[in-house]
Amino acid sequence: FFRSHAGNVRELALKTSFANFTVEAAGGSGYKTLRLLNGTGQLYVHKTAIKKWDTCAGDALLRSIGGLMLDFNGDMLSYDPNGDYVLRNGLIAAAQYPFTYFQQWRQHLKGASG
């Protein structure tokens, strides 16, 4: 389950080990996170900038069940009120195995850029 209406997520996914995933265009970070939470989606990738107020509730719910939203550096999202309110370097989210998916996605990005 990928976000595909912004960035080139669909193209990256189809060229890599994520090719067996069904890529779905869907609006709204909350909706995509709900799909992870109810088990109808496995992975949410967002490559373009997103405001953190769009991710914070879903991130909290994912964390409560052992899932995570990570940025493309592999860091958990920070909601520090003194920090930037925009996440600029992409996010990857999963309810199960978030670090495994992150490592696979990171390998994709390395392979796609070089």
PDB file of N, CA and C in Angstrom:
ATOM      1  N   PHE A   1       0.869  -1.179   0.000  1.00  0.00           N
ATOM      2  CA  PHE A   1       0.000   0.000   0.000  1.00  0.00           C
ATOM      3  C   PHE A   1       0.895   1.215   0.000  1.00  0.00           C
ATOM      4  N   PHE A   2       0.910   1.935  -1.073  1.00  0.00           N
ATOM      5  CA  PHE A   2       1.777   3.093  -1.219  1.00  0.00           C
ATOM      6  C   PHE A   2       0.955   4.328  -1.537  1.00  0.00           C
ATOM      7  N   ARG A   3       1.463   5.449  -1.123  1.00  0.00           N
ATOM      8  CA  ARG A   3       0.906   6.702  -1.617  1.00  0.00           C
ATOM      9  C   ARG A   3       1.504   6.887  -2.999  1.00  0.00           C
ATOM     10  N   SER A   4       0.677   7.183  -3.978  1.00  0.00           N
ATOM     11  CA  SER A   4       1.233   7.269  -5.319  1.00  0.00           C
ATOM     12  C   SER A   4       0.806   8.499  -6.096  1.00  0.00           C
ATOM     13  N   HIS A   5       0.033   9.405  -5.508  1.00  0.00           N
ATOM     14  CA  HIS A   5      -0.368  10.552  -6.316  1.00  0.00           C
ATOM     15  C   HIS A   5       0.660  11.679  -6.286  1.00  0.00           C
ATOM     16  N   ALA A   6       1.688  11.559  -5.477  1.00  0.00           N
ATOM     17  CA  ALA A   6       2.749  12.569  -5.442  1.00  0.00           C
ATOM     18  C   ALA A   6       4.087  11.854  -5.379  1.00  0.00           C
ATOM     19  N   GLY A   7       5.059  12.396  -6.070  1.00  0.00           N
ATOM     20  CA  GLY A   7       6.359  11.745  -6.104  1.00  0.00           C
ATOM     21  C   GLY A   7       6.308  10.567  -7.060  1.00  0.00           C
ATOM     22  N   ASN A   8       7.387   9.801  -7.103  1.00  0.00           N
ATOM     23  CA  ASN A   8       7.455   8.667  -8.023  1.00  0.00           C
ATOM     24  C   ASN A   8       7.438   7.349  -7.267  1.00  0.00           C
ATOM     25  N   VAL A   9       6.635   7.252  -6.235  1.00  0.00           N
ATOM     26  CA  VAL A   9       6.570   6.057  -5.402  1.00  0.00           C
ATOM     27  C   VAL A   9       6.185   4.839  -6.226  1.00  0.00           C
ATOM     28  N   ARG A  10       5.180   4.972  -7.071  1.00  0.00           N
ATOM     29  CA  ARG A  10       4.724   3.830  -7.873  1.00  0.00           C
ATOM     30  C   ARG A  10       5.859   3.282  -8.731  1.00  0.00           C
ATOM     31  N   GLU A  11       6.579   4.149  -9.407  1.00  0.00           N
ATOM     32  CA  GLU A  11       7.657   3.706 -10.280  1.00  0.00           C
ATOM     33  C   GLU A  11       8.767   3.027  -9.488  1.00  0.00           C
ATOM     34  N   LEU A  12       9.134   3.598  -8.350  1.00  0.00           N
ATOM     35  CA  LEU A  12      10.166   2.981  -7.513  1.00  0.00           C
ATOM     36  C   LEU A  12       9.727   1.617  -7.011  1.00  0.00           C
ATOM     37  N   ALA A  13       8.485   1.514  -6.598  1.00  0.00           N
ATOM     38  CA  ALA A  13       7.988   0.252  -6.044  1.00  0.00           C
ATOM     39  C   ALA A  13       7.980  -0.847  -7.093  1.00  0.00           C
ATOM     40  N   LEU A  14       7.565  -0.536  -8.282  1.00  0.00           N
ATOM     41  CA  LEU A  14       7.430  -1.556  -9.315  1.00  0.00           C
ATOM     42  C   LEU A  14       8.769  -2.064  -9.825  1.00  0.00           C
ATOM     43  N   LYS A  15       9.850  -1.317  -9.590  1.00  0.00           N
ATOM     44  CA  LYS A  15      11.172  -1.708 -10.071  1.00  0.00           C
ATOM     45  C   LYS A  15      11.973  -2.476  -9.028  1.00  0.00           C
ATOM     46  N   THR A  16      11.408  -2.768  -7.886  1.00  0.00           N
ATOM     47  CA  THR A  16      12.196  -3.296  -6.785  1.00  0.00           C
ATOM     48  C   THR A  16      11.507  -4.481  -6.136  1.00  0.00           C
ATOM     49  N   SER A  17      11.997  -4.872  -4.986  1.00  0.00           N
ATOM     50  CA  SER A  17      11.416  -6.022  -4.285  1.00  0.00           C
ATOM     51  C   SER A  17      10.007  -5.753  -3.779  1.00  0.00           C
ATOM     52  N   PHE A  18       9.529  -4.526  -3.898  1.00  0.00           N
ATOM     53  CA  PHE A  18       8.150  -4.218  -3.534  1.00  0.00           C
ATOM     54  C   PHE A  18       7.199  -4.440  -4.714  1.00  0.00           C
ATOM     55  N   ALA A  19       7.698  -5.006  -5.790  1.00  0.00           N
ATOM     56  CA  ALA A  19       6.879  -5.192  -6.989  1.00  0.00           C
ATOM     57  C   ALA A  19       5.665  -6.086  -6.731  1.00  0.00           C
ATOM     58  N   ASN A  20       5.721  -6.927  -5.700  1.00  0.00           N
ATOM     59  CA  ASN A  20       4.579  -7.798  -5.406  1.00  0.00           C
ATOM     60  C   ASN A  20       3.486  -7.086  -4.614  1.00  0.00           C
ATOM     61  N   PHE A  21       3.715  -5.827  -4.235  1.00  0.00           N
ATOM     62  CA  PHE A  21       2.708  -5.044  -3.524  1.00  0.00           C
ATOM     63  C   PHE A  21       1.720  -4.458  -4.524  1.00  0.00           C
ATOM     64  N   THR A  22       0.496  -4.290  -4.105  1.00  0.00           N
ATOM     65  CA  THR A  22      -0.481  -3.548  -4.887  1.00  0.00           C
ATOM     66  C   THR A  22      -0.309  -2.084  -4.538  1.00  0.00           C
ATOM     67  N   VAL A  23      -0.044  -1.257  -5.538  1.00  0.00           N
ATOM     68  CA  VAL A  23       0.174   0.170  -5.316  1.00  0.00           C
ATOM     69  C   VAL A  23      -1.151   0.884  -5.506  1.00  0.00           C
ATOM     70  N   GLU A  24      -1.536   1.640  -4.503  1.00  0.00           N
ATOM     71  CA  GLU A  24      -2.833   2.298  -4.492  1.00  0.00           C
ATOM     72  C   GLU A  24      -2.675   3.790  -4.274  1.00  0.00           C
ATOM     73  N   ALA A  25      -3.306   4.594  -5.102  1.00  0.00           N
ATOM     74  CA  ALA A  25      -3.355   6.039  -4.859  1.00  0.00           C
ATOM     75  C   ALA A  25      -4.470   6.294  -3.857  1.00  0.00           C
ATOM     76  N   ALA A  26      -4.165   7.071  -2.833  1.00  0.00           N
ATOM     77  CA  ALA A  26      -5.178   7.378  -1.817  1.00  0.00           C
ATOM     78  C   ALA A  26      -4.855   8.721  -1.200  1.00  0.00           C
ATOM     79  N   GLY A  27      -5.872   9.497  -0.913  1.00  0.00           N
ATOM     80  CA  GLY A  27      -5.672  10.793  -0.290  1.00  0.00           C
ATOM     81  C   GLY A  27      -5.767  10.699   1.220  1.00  0.00           C
ATOM     82  N   GLY A  28      -5.055  11.567   1.891  1.00  0.00           N
ATOM     83  CA  GLY A  28      -5.162  11.703   3.331  1.00  0.00           C
ATOM     84  C   GLY A  28      -4.275  10.769   4.120  1.00  0.00           C
ATOM     85  N   SER A  29      -3.382  11.352   4.892  1.00  0.00           N
ATOM     86  CA  SER A  29      -2.493  10.569   5.740  1.00  0.00           C
ATOM     87  C   SER A  29      -3.280   9.737   6.748  1.00  0.00           C
ATOM     88  N   GLY A  30      -4.338  10.310   7.295  1.00  0.00           N
ATOM     89  CA  GLY A  30      -5.154   9.586   8.260  1.00  0.00           C
ATOM     90  C   GLY A  30      -5.792   8.348   7.659  1.00  0.00           C
ATOM     91  N   TYR A  31      -6.300   8.473   6.438  1.00  0.00           N
ATOM     92  CA  TYR A  31      -6.919   7.334   5.766  1.00  0.00           C
ATOM     93  C   TYR A  31      -5.896   6.226   5.532  1.00  0.00           C
ATOM     94  N   LYS A  32      -4.724   6.603   5.052  1.00  0.00           N
ATOM     95  CA  LYS A  32      -3.696   5.601   4.771  1.00  0.00           C
ATOM     96  C   LYS A  32      -3.232   4.924   6.058  1.00  0.00           C
ATOM     97  N   THR A  33      -3.122   5.688   7.128  1.00  0.00           N
ATOM     98  CA  THR A  33      -2.737   5.102   8.410  1.00  0.00           C
ATOM     99  C   THR A  33      -3.830   4.173   8.923  1.00  0.00           C
ATOM    100  N   LEU A  34      -5.080   4.547   8.755  1.00  0.00           N
ATOM    101  CA  LEU A  34      -6.190   3.677   9.146  1.00  0.00           C
ATOM    102  C   LEU A  34      -6.114   2.344   8.412  1.00  0.00           C
ATOM    103  N   ARG A  35      -5.741   2.378   7.153  1.00  0.00           N
ATOM    104  CA  ARG A  35      -5.594   1.137   6.381  1.00  0.00           C
ATOM    105  C   ARG A  35      -4.514   0.245   6.987  1.00  0.00           C
ATOM    106  N   LEU A  36      -3.453   0.856   7.499  1.00  0.00           N
ATOM    107  CA  LEU A  36      -2.421   0.068   8.184  1.00  0.00           C
ATOM    108  C   LEU A  36      -2.975  -0.522   9.476  1.00  0.00           C
ATOM    109  N   LEU A  37      -3.690   0.303  10.218  1.00  0.00           N
ATOM    110  CA  LEU A  37      -4.218  -0.115  11.520  1.00  0.00           C
ATOM    111  C   LEU A  37      -5.257  -1.229  11.415  1.00  0.00           C
ATOM    112  N   ASN A  38      -6.082  -1.185  10.365  1.00  0.00           N
ATOM    113  CA  ASN A  38      -7.123  -2.219  10.256  1.00  0.00           C
ATOM    114  C   ASN A  38      -6.677  -3.422   9.426  1.00  0.00           C
ATOM    115  N   GLY A  39      -5.422  -3.419   9.007  1.00  0.00           N
ATOM    116  CA  GLY A  39      -4.859  -4.571   8.322  1.00  0.00           C
ATOM    117  C   GLY A  39      -5.149  -4.657   6.845  1.00  0.00           C
ATOM    118  N   THR A  40      -5.753  -3.636   6.245  1.00  0.00           N
ATOM    119  CA  THR A  40      -6.035  -3.671   4.807  1.00  0.00           C
ATOM    120  C   THR A  40      -4.919  -3.035   3.992  1.00  0.00           C
ATOM    121  N   GLY A  41      -3.869  -2.585   4.645  1.00  0.00           N
ATOM    122  CA  GLY A  41      -2.677  -2.058   3.992  1.00  0.00           C
ATOM    123  C   GLY A  41      -1.456  -2.479   4.788  1.00  0.00           C
ATOM    124  N   GLN A  42      -0.324  -2.596   4.114  1.00  0.00           N
ATOM    125  CA  GLN A  42       0.900  -3.013   4.789  1.00  0.00           C
ATOM    126  C   GLN A  42       1.902  -1.884   4.948  1.00  0.00           C
ATOM    127  N   LEU A  43       1.911  -0.966   4.017  1.00  0.00           N
ATOM    128  CA  LEU A  43       2.983   0.018   3.966  1.00  0.00           C
ATOM    129  C   LEU A  43       2.454   1.332   3.425  1.00  0.00           C
ATOM    130  N   TYR A  44       2.909   2.423   4.015  1.00  0.00           N
ATOM    131  CA  TYR A  44       2.539   3.767   3.574  1.00  0.00           C
ATOM    132  C   TYR A  44       3.839   4.513   3.347  1.00  0.00           C
ATOM    133  N   VAL A  45       4.047   4.956   2.123  1.00  0.00           N
ATOM    134  CA  VAL A  45       5.248   5.712   1.759  1.00  0.00           C
ATOM    135  C   VAL A  45       4.816   7.062   1.223  1.00  0.00           C
ATOM    136  N   HIS A  46       5.450   8.103   1.718  1.00  0.00           N
ATOM    137  CA  HIS A  46       5.161   9.470   1.284  1.00  0.00           C
ATOM    138  C   HIS A  46       6.494  10.136   0.985  1.00  0.00           C
ATOM    139  N   LYS A  47       6.726  10.511  -0.272  1.00  0.00           N
ATOM    140  CA  LYS A  47       8.030  11.052  -0.665  1.00  0.00           C
ATOM    141  C   LYS A  47       8.119  12.566  -0.652  1.00  0.00           C
ATOM    142  N   THR A  48       7.007  13.249  -0.677  1.00  0.00           N
ATOM    143  CA  THR A  48       7.036  14.706  -0.739  1.00  0.00           C
ATOM    144  C   THR A  48       6.829  15.289   0.656  1.00  0.00           C
ATOM    145  N   ALA A  49       6.978  16.590   0.779  1.00  0.00           N
ATOM    146  CA  ALA A  49       6.805  17.252   2.081  1.00  0.00           C
ATOM    147  C   ALA A  49       5.382  17.050   2.598  1.00  0.00           C
ATOM    148  N   ILE A  50       5.267  16.906   3.913  1.00  0.00           N
ATOM    149  CA  ILE A  50       3.961  16.754   4.556  1.00  0.00           C
ATOM    150  C   ILE A  50       4.017  17.454   5.913  1.00  0.00           C
ATOM    151  N   LYS A  51       2.935  18.096   6.253  1.00  0.00           N
ATOM    152  CA  LYS A  51       2.879  18.781   7.550  1.00  0.00           C
ATOM    153  C   LYS A  51       2.654  17.759   8.660  1.00  0.00           C
ATOM    154  N   LYS A  52       3.354  17.963   9.757  1.00  0.00           N
ATOM    155  CA  LYS A  52       3.312  16.984  10.842  1.00  0.00           C
ATOM    156  C   LYS A  52       1.952  16.887  11.509  1.00  0.00           C
ATOM    157  N   TRP A  53       1.147  17.940  11.442  1.00  0.00           N
ATOM    158  CA  TRP A  53      -0.193  17.815  12.028  1.00  0.00           C
ATOM    159  C   TRP A  53      -1.043  16.827  11.232  1.00  0.00           C
ATOM    160  N   ASP A  54      -0.629  16.520  10.003  1.00  0.00           N
ATOM    161  CA  ASP A  54      -1.334  15.511   9.221  1.00  0.00           C
ATOM    162  C   ASP A  54      -0.926  14.090   9.602  1.00  0.00           C
ATOM    163  N   THR A  55       0.202  13.946  10.289  1.00  0.00           N
ATOM    164  CA  THR A  55       0.704  12.615  10.628  1.00  0.00           C
ATOM    165  C   THR A  55       0.605  12.270  12.109  1.00  0.00           C
ATOM    166  N   CYS A  56       0.472  13.266  12.982  1.00  0.00           N
ATOM    167  CA  CYS A  56       0.667  13.019  14.422  1.00  0.00           C
ATOM    168  C   CYS A  56      -0.339  12.038  15.025  1.00  0.00           C
ATOM    169  N   ALA A  57      -1.607  12.142  14.716  1.00  0.00           N
ATOM    170  CA  ALA A  57      -2.593  11.228  15.315  1.00  0.00           C
ATOM    171  C   ALA A  57      -2.364   9.796  14.841  1.00  0.00           C
ATOM    172  N   GLY A  58      -2.172   9.637  13.539  1.00  0.00           N
ATOM    173  CA  GLY A  58      -1.917   8.299  13.006  1.00  0.00           C
ATOM    174  C   GLY A  58      -0.635   7.702  13.547  1.00  0.00           C
ATOM    175  N   ASP A  59       0.395   8.533  13.689  1.00  0.00           N
ATOM    176  CA  ASP A  59       1.663   8.066  14.239  1.00  0.00           C
ATOM    177  C   ASP A  59       1.465   7.577  15.672  1.00  0.00           C
ATOM    178  N   ALA A  60       0.716   8.321  16.470  1.00  0.00           N
ATOM    179  CA  ALA A  60       0.455   7.912  17.858  1.00  0.00           C
ATOM    180  C   ALA A  60      -0.285   6.573  17.901  1.00  0.00           C
ATOM    181  N   LEU A  61      -1.269   6.401  17.033  1.00  0.00           N
ATOM    182  CA  LEU A  61      -2.011   5.139  17.001  1.00  0.00           C
ATOM    183  C   LEU A  61      -1.117   3.982  16.563  1.00  0.00           C
ATOM    184  N   LEU A  62      -0.285   4.213  15.550  1.00  0.00           N
ATOM    185  CA  LEU A  62       0.640   3.165  15.121  1.00  0.00           C
ATOM    186  C   LEU A  62       1.588   2.781  16.248  1.00  0.00           C
ATOM    187  N   ARG A  63       2.144   3.782  16.932  1.00  0.00           N
ATOM    188  CA  ARG A  63       3.071   3.499  18.040  1.00  0.00           C
ATOM    189  C   ARG A  63       2.385   2.684  19.130  1.00  0.00           C
ATOM    190  N   SER A  64       1.099   2.917  19.349  1.00  0.00           N
ATOM    191  CA  SER A  64       0.385   2.214  20.424  1.00  0.00           C
ATOM    192  C   SER A  64       0.250   0.717  20.158  1.00  0.00           C
ATOM    193  N   ILE A  65       0.389   0.297  18.902  1.00  0.00           N
ATOM    194  CA  ILE A  65       0.293  -1.133  18.577  1.00  0.00           C
ATOM    195  C   ILE A  65       1.628  -1.710  18.111  1.00  0.00           C
ATOM    196  N   GLY A  66       2.708  -0.940  18.274  1.00  0.00           N
ATOM    197  CA  GLY A  66       4.030  -1.429  17.893  1.00  0.00           C
ATOM    198  C   GLY A  66       4.473  -1.048  16.502  1.00  0.00           C
ATOM    199  N   GLY A  67       3.663  -0.275  15.788  1.00  0.00           N
ATOM    200  CA  GLY A  67       4.047   0.215  14.473  1.00  0.00           C
ATOM    201  C   GLY A  67       4.755   1.550  14.607  1.00  0.00           C
ATOM    202  N   LEU A  68       5.174   2.103  13.472  1.00  0.00           N
ATOM    203  CA  LEU A  68       5.900   3.376  13.488  1.00  0.00           C
ATOM    204  C   LEU A  68       5.758   4.104  12.173  1.00  0.00           C
ATOM    205  N   MET A  69       5.943   5.410  12.255  1.00  0.00           N
ATOM    206  CA  MET A  69       6.238   6.244  11.098  1.00  0.00           C
ATOM    207  C   MET A  69       7.689   6.666  11.261  1.00  0.00           C
ATOM    208  N   LEU A  70       8.468   6.469  10.213  1.00  0.00           N
ATOM    209  CA  LEU A  70       9.872   6.850  10.213  1.00  0.00           C
ATOM    210  C   LEU A  70      10.122   7.790   9.054  1.00  0.00           C
ATOM    211  N   ASP A  71      11.082   8.700   9.211  1.00  0.00           N
ATOM    212  CA  ASP A  71      11.471   9.494   8.053  1.00  0.00           C
ATOM    213  C   ASP A  71      12.455   8.671   7.220  1.00  0.00           C
ATOM    214  N   PHE A  72      12.866   9.199   6.076  1.00  0.00           N
ATOM    215  CA  PHE A  72      13.734   8.435   5.186  1.00  0.00           C
ATOM    216  C   PHE A  72      15.156   8.292   5.717  1.00  0.00           C
ATOM    217  N   ASN A  73      15.451   8.889   6.876  1.00  0.00           N
ATOM    218  CA  ASN A  73      16.724   8.644   7.561  1.00  0.00           C
ATOM    219  C   ASN A  73      16.589   7.501   8.559  1.00  0.00           C
ATOM    220  N   GLY A  74      15.375   7.017   8.764  1.00  0.00           N
ATOM    221  CA  GLY A  74      15.132   5.954   9.727  1.00  0.00           C
ATOM    222  C   GLY A  74      14.836   6.454  11.123  1.00  0.00           C
ATOM    223  N   ASP A  75      14.606   7.752  11.255  1.00  0.00           N
ATOM    224  CA  ASP A  75      14.317   8.348  12.560  1.00  0.00           C
ATOM    225  C   ASP A  75      12.812   8.423  12.792  1.00  0.00           C
ATOM    226  N   MET A  76      12.411   8.217  14.056  1.00  0.00           N
ATOM    227  CA  MET A  76      11.011   8.424  14.414  1.00  0.00           C
ATOM    228  C   MET A  76      10.676   9.894  14.231  1.00  0.00           C
ATOM    229  N   LEU A  77       9.446  10.192  13.869  1.00  0.00           N
ATOM    230  CA  LEU A  77       9.042  11.576  13.674  1.00  0.00           C
ATOM    231  C   LEU A  77       9.027  12.293  15.014  1.00  0.00           C
ATOM    232  N   SER A  78       9.485  13.535  15.000  1.00  0.00           N
ATOM    233  CA  SER A  78       9.511  14.352  16.212  1.00  0.00           C
ATOM    234  C   SER A  78       8.431  15.420  16.103  1.00  0.00           C
ATOM    235  N   TYR A  79       7.709  15.594  17.176  1.00  0.00           N
ATOM    236  CA  TYR A  79       6.654  16.603  17.215  1.00  0.00           C
ATOM    237  C   TYR A  79       7.017  17.722  18.190  1.00  0.00           C
ATOM    238  N   ASP A  80       8.291  17.982  18.329  1.00  0.00           N
ATOM    239  CA  ASP A  80       8.796  19.057  19.187  1.00  0.00           C
ATOM    240  C   ASP A  80       8.196  20.378  18.712  1.00  0.00           C
ATOM    241  N   PRO A  81       7.527  21.120  19.592  1.00  0.00           N
ATOM    242  CA  PRO A  81       6.894  22.379  19.170  1.00  0.00           C
ATOM    243  C   PRO A  81       7.898  23.428  18.701  1.00  0.00           C
ATOM    244  N   ASN A  82       9.156  23.261  19.044  1.00  0.00           N
ATOM    245  CA  ASN A  82      10.185  24.200  18.593  1.00  0.00           C
ATOM    246  C   ASN A  82      10.841  23.760  17.291  1.00  0.00           C
ATOM    247  N   GLY A  83      10.470  22.592  16.792  1.00  0.00           N
ATOM    248  CA  GLY A  83      11.049  22.079  15.558  1.00  0.00           C
ATOM    249  C   GLY A  83      10.243  22.488  14.342  1.00  0.00           C
ATOM    250  N   ASP A  84      10.701  22.030  13.196  1.00  0.00           N
ATOM    251  CA  ASP A  84      10.019  22.299  11.930  1.00  0.00           C
ATOM    252  C   ASP A  84       8.666  21.583  11.927  1.00  0.00           C
ATOM    253  N   TYR A  85       7.637  22.234  11.454  1.00  0.00           N
ATOM    254  CA  TYR A  85       6.309  21.612  11.407  1.00  0.00           C
ATOM    255  C   TYR A  85       6.075  20.857  10.103  1.00  0.00           C
ATOM    256  N   VAL A  86       7.068  20.859   9.228  1.00  0.00           N
ATOM    257  CA  VAL A  86       6.958  20.143   7.965  1.00  0.00           C
ATOM    258  C   VAL A  86       8.010  19.038   7.931  1.00  0.00           C
ATOM    259  N   LEU A  87       7.589  17.844   7.570  1.00  0.00           N
ATOM    260  CA  LEU A  87       8.513  16.743   7.340  1.00  0.00           C
ATOM    261  C   LEU A  87       8.906  16.829   5.875  1.00  0.00           C
ATOM    262  N   ARG A  88      10.178  17.046   5.624  1.00  0.00           N
ATOM    263  CA  ARG A  88      10.630  17.315   4.263  1.00  0.00           C
ATOM    264  C   ARG A  88      11.332  16.141   3.586  1.00  0.00           C
ATOM    265  N   ASN A  89      11.692  15.125   4.347  1.00  0.00           N
ATOM    266  CA  ASN A  89      12.491  14.058   3.735  1.00  0.00           C
ATOM    267  C   ASN A  89      11.761  12.723   3.657  1.00  0.00           C
ATOM    268  N   GLY A  90      10.456  12.768   3.512  1.00  0.00           N
ATOM    269  CA  GLY A  90       9.684  11.559   3.274  1.00  0.00           C
ATOM    270  C   GLY A  90       9.380  10.770   4.530  1.00  0.00           C
ATOM    271  N   LEU A  91       8.404   9.882   4.411  1.00  0.00           N
ATOM    272  CA  LEU A  91       8.083   9.002   5.532  1.00  0.00           C
ATOM    273  C   LEU A  91       7.690   7.633   5.020  1.00  0.00           C
ATOM    274  N   ILE A  92       7.930   6.677   5.870  1.00  0.00           N
ATOM    275  CA  ILE A  92       7.506   5.305   5.625  1.00  0.00           C
ATOM    276  C   ILE A  92       6.839   4.828   6.907  1.00  0.00           C
ATOM    277  N   ALA A  93       5.686   4.213   6.782  1.00  0.00           N
ATOM    278  CA  ALA A  93       4.928   3.790   7.959  1.00  0.00           C
ATOM    279  C   ALA A  93       4.431   2.367   7.768  1.00  0.00           C
ATOM    280  N   ALA A  94       4.424   1.633   8.875  1.00  0.00           N
ATOM    281  CA  ALA A  94       3.902   0.272   8.870  1.00  0.00           C
ATOM    282  C   ALA A  94       3.417  -0.076  10.266  1.00  0.00           C
ATOM    283  N   ALA A  95       2.364  -0.875  10.328  1.00  0.00           N
ATOM    284  CA  ALA A  95       1.859  -1.340  11.618  1.00  0.00           C
ATOM    285  C   ALA A  95       2.673  -2.525  12.120  1.00  0.00           C
ATOM    286  N   GLN A  96       3.258  -3.279  11.193  1.00  0.00           N
ATOM    287  CA  GLN A  96       4.100  -4.421  11.538  1.00  0.00           C
ATOM    288  C   GLN A  96       5.411  -4.314  10.784  1.00  0.00           C
ATOM    289  N   TYR A  97       6.491  -4.671  11.440  1.00  0.00           N
ATOM    290  CA  TYR A  97       7.830  -4.719  10.845  1.00  0.00           C
ATOM    291  C   TYR A  97       8.283  -3.399  10.228  1.00  0.00           C
ATOM    292  N   PRO A  98       8.076  -2.267  10.898  1.00  0.00           N
ATOM    293  CA  PRO A  98       8.437  -0.988  10.282  1.00  0.00           C
ATOM    294  C   PRO A  98       9.922  -0.872   9.950  1.00  0.00           C
ATOM    295  N   PHE A  99      10.799  -1.406  10.793  1.00  0.00           N
ATOM    296  CA  PHE A  99      12.231  -1.280  10.518  1.00  0.00           C
ATOM    297  C   PHE A  99      12.655  -2.171   9.357  1.00  0.00           C
ATOM    298  N   THR A 100      12.030  -3.324   9.228  1.00  0.00           N
ATOM    299  CA  THR A 100      12.318  -4.204   8.094  1.00  0.00           C
ATOM    300  C   THR A 100      11.926  -3.522   6.791  1.00  0.00           C
ATOM    301  N   TYR A 101      10.727  -2.964   6.756  1.00  0.00           N
ATOM    302  CA  TYR A 101      10.294  -2.251   5.556  1.00  0.00           C
ATOM    303  C   TYR A 101      11.195  -1.045   5.279  1.00  0.00           C
ATOM    304  N   PHE A 102      11.591  -0.344   6.338  1.00  0.00           N
ATOM    305  CA  PHE A 102      12.472   0.805   6.150  1.00  0.00           C
ATOM    306  C   PHE A 102      13.783   0.368   5.503  1.00  0.00           C
ATOM    307  N   GLN A 103      14.388  -0.695   5.990  1.00  0.00           N
ATOM    308  CA  GLN A 103      15.658  -1.163   5.423  1.00  0.00           C
ATOM    309  C   GLN A 103      15.485  -1.543   3.954  1.00  0.00           C
ATOM    310  N   GLN A 104      14.393  -2.213   3.627  1.00  0.00           N
ATOM    311  CA  GLN A 104      14.135  -2.582   2.231  1.00  0.00           C
ATOM    312  C   GLN A 104      13.950  -1.333   1.366  1.00  0.00           C
ATOM    313  N   TRP A 105      13.201  -0.352   1.873  1.00  0.00           N
ATOM    314  CA  TRP A 105      12.971   0.876   1.124  1.00  0.00           C
ATOM    315  C   TRP A 105      14.271   1.640   0.924  1.00  0.00           C
ATOM    316  N   ARG A 106      15.096   1.683   1.960  1.00  0.00           N
ATOM    317  CA  ARG A 106      16.385   2.381   1.866  1.00  0.00           C
ATOM    318  C   ARG A 106      17.253   1.744   0.777  1.00  0.00           C
ATOM    319  N   GLN A 107      17.244   0.424   0.702  1.00  0.00           N
ATOM    320  CA  GLN A 107      17.989  -0.262  -0.358  1.00  0.00           C
ATOM    321  C   GLN A 107      17.441   0.117  -1.730  1.00  0.00           C
ATOM    322  N   HIS A 108      16.125   0.264  -1.830  1.00  0.00           N
ATOM    323  CA  HIS A 108      15.505   0.718  -3.082  1.00  0.00           C
ATOM    324  C   HIS A 108      16.079   2.053  -3.507  1.00  0.00           C
ATOM    325  N   LEU A 109      16.080   2.976  -2.560  1.00  0.00           N
ATOM    326  CA  LEU A 109      16.515   4.332  -2.875  1.00  0.00           C
ATOM    327  C   LEU A 109      17.976   4.356  -3.282  1.00  0.00           C
ATOM    328  N   LYS A 110      18.801   3.570  -2.621  1.00  0.00           N
ATOM    329  CA  LYS A 110      20.218   3.490  -2.991  1.00  0.00           C
ATOM    330  C   LYS A 110      20.367   2.938  -4.399  1.00  0.00           C
ATOM    331  N   GLY A 111      19.614   1.877  -4.700  1.00  0.00           N
ATOM    332  CA  GLY A 111      19.677   1.271  -6.024  1.00  0.00           C
ATOM    333  C   GLY A 111      19.133   2.176  -7.114  1.00  0.00           C
ATOM    334  N   ALA A 112      18.115   2.957  -6.790  1.00  0.00           N
ATOM    335  CA  ALA A 112      17.489   3.841  -7.779  1.00  0.00           C
ATOM    336  C   ALA A 112      18.355   5.048  -8.089  1.00  0.00           C
ATOM    337  N   SER A 113      19.205   5.444  -7.134  1.00  0.00           N
ATOM    338  CA  SER A 113      20.012   6.649  -7.348  1.00  0.00           C
ATOM    339  C   SER A 113      21.388   6.336  -7.897  1.00  0.00           C
ATOM    340  N   GLY A 114      21.760   5.102  -7.976  1.00  0.00           N
ATOM    341  CA  GLY A 114      23.116   4.841  -8.436  1.00  0.00           C
ATOM    342  C   GLY A 114      23.220   3.561  -9.043  1.00  0.00           C
TER     343      GLY A 114
END
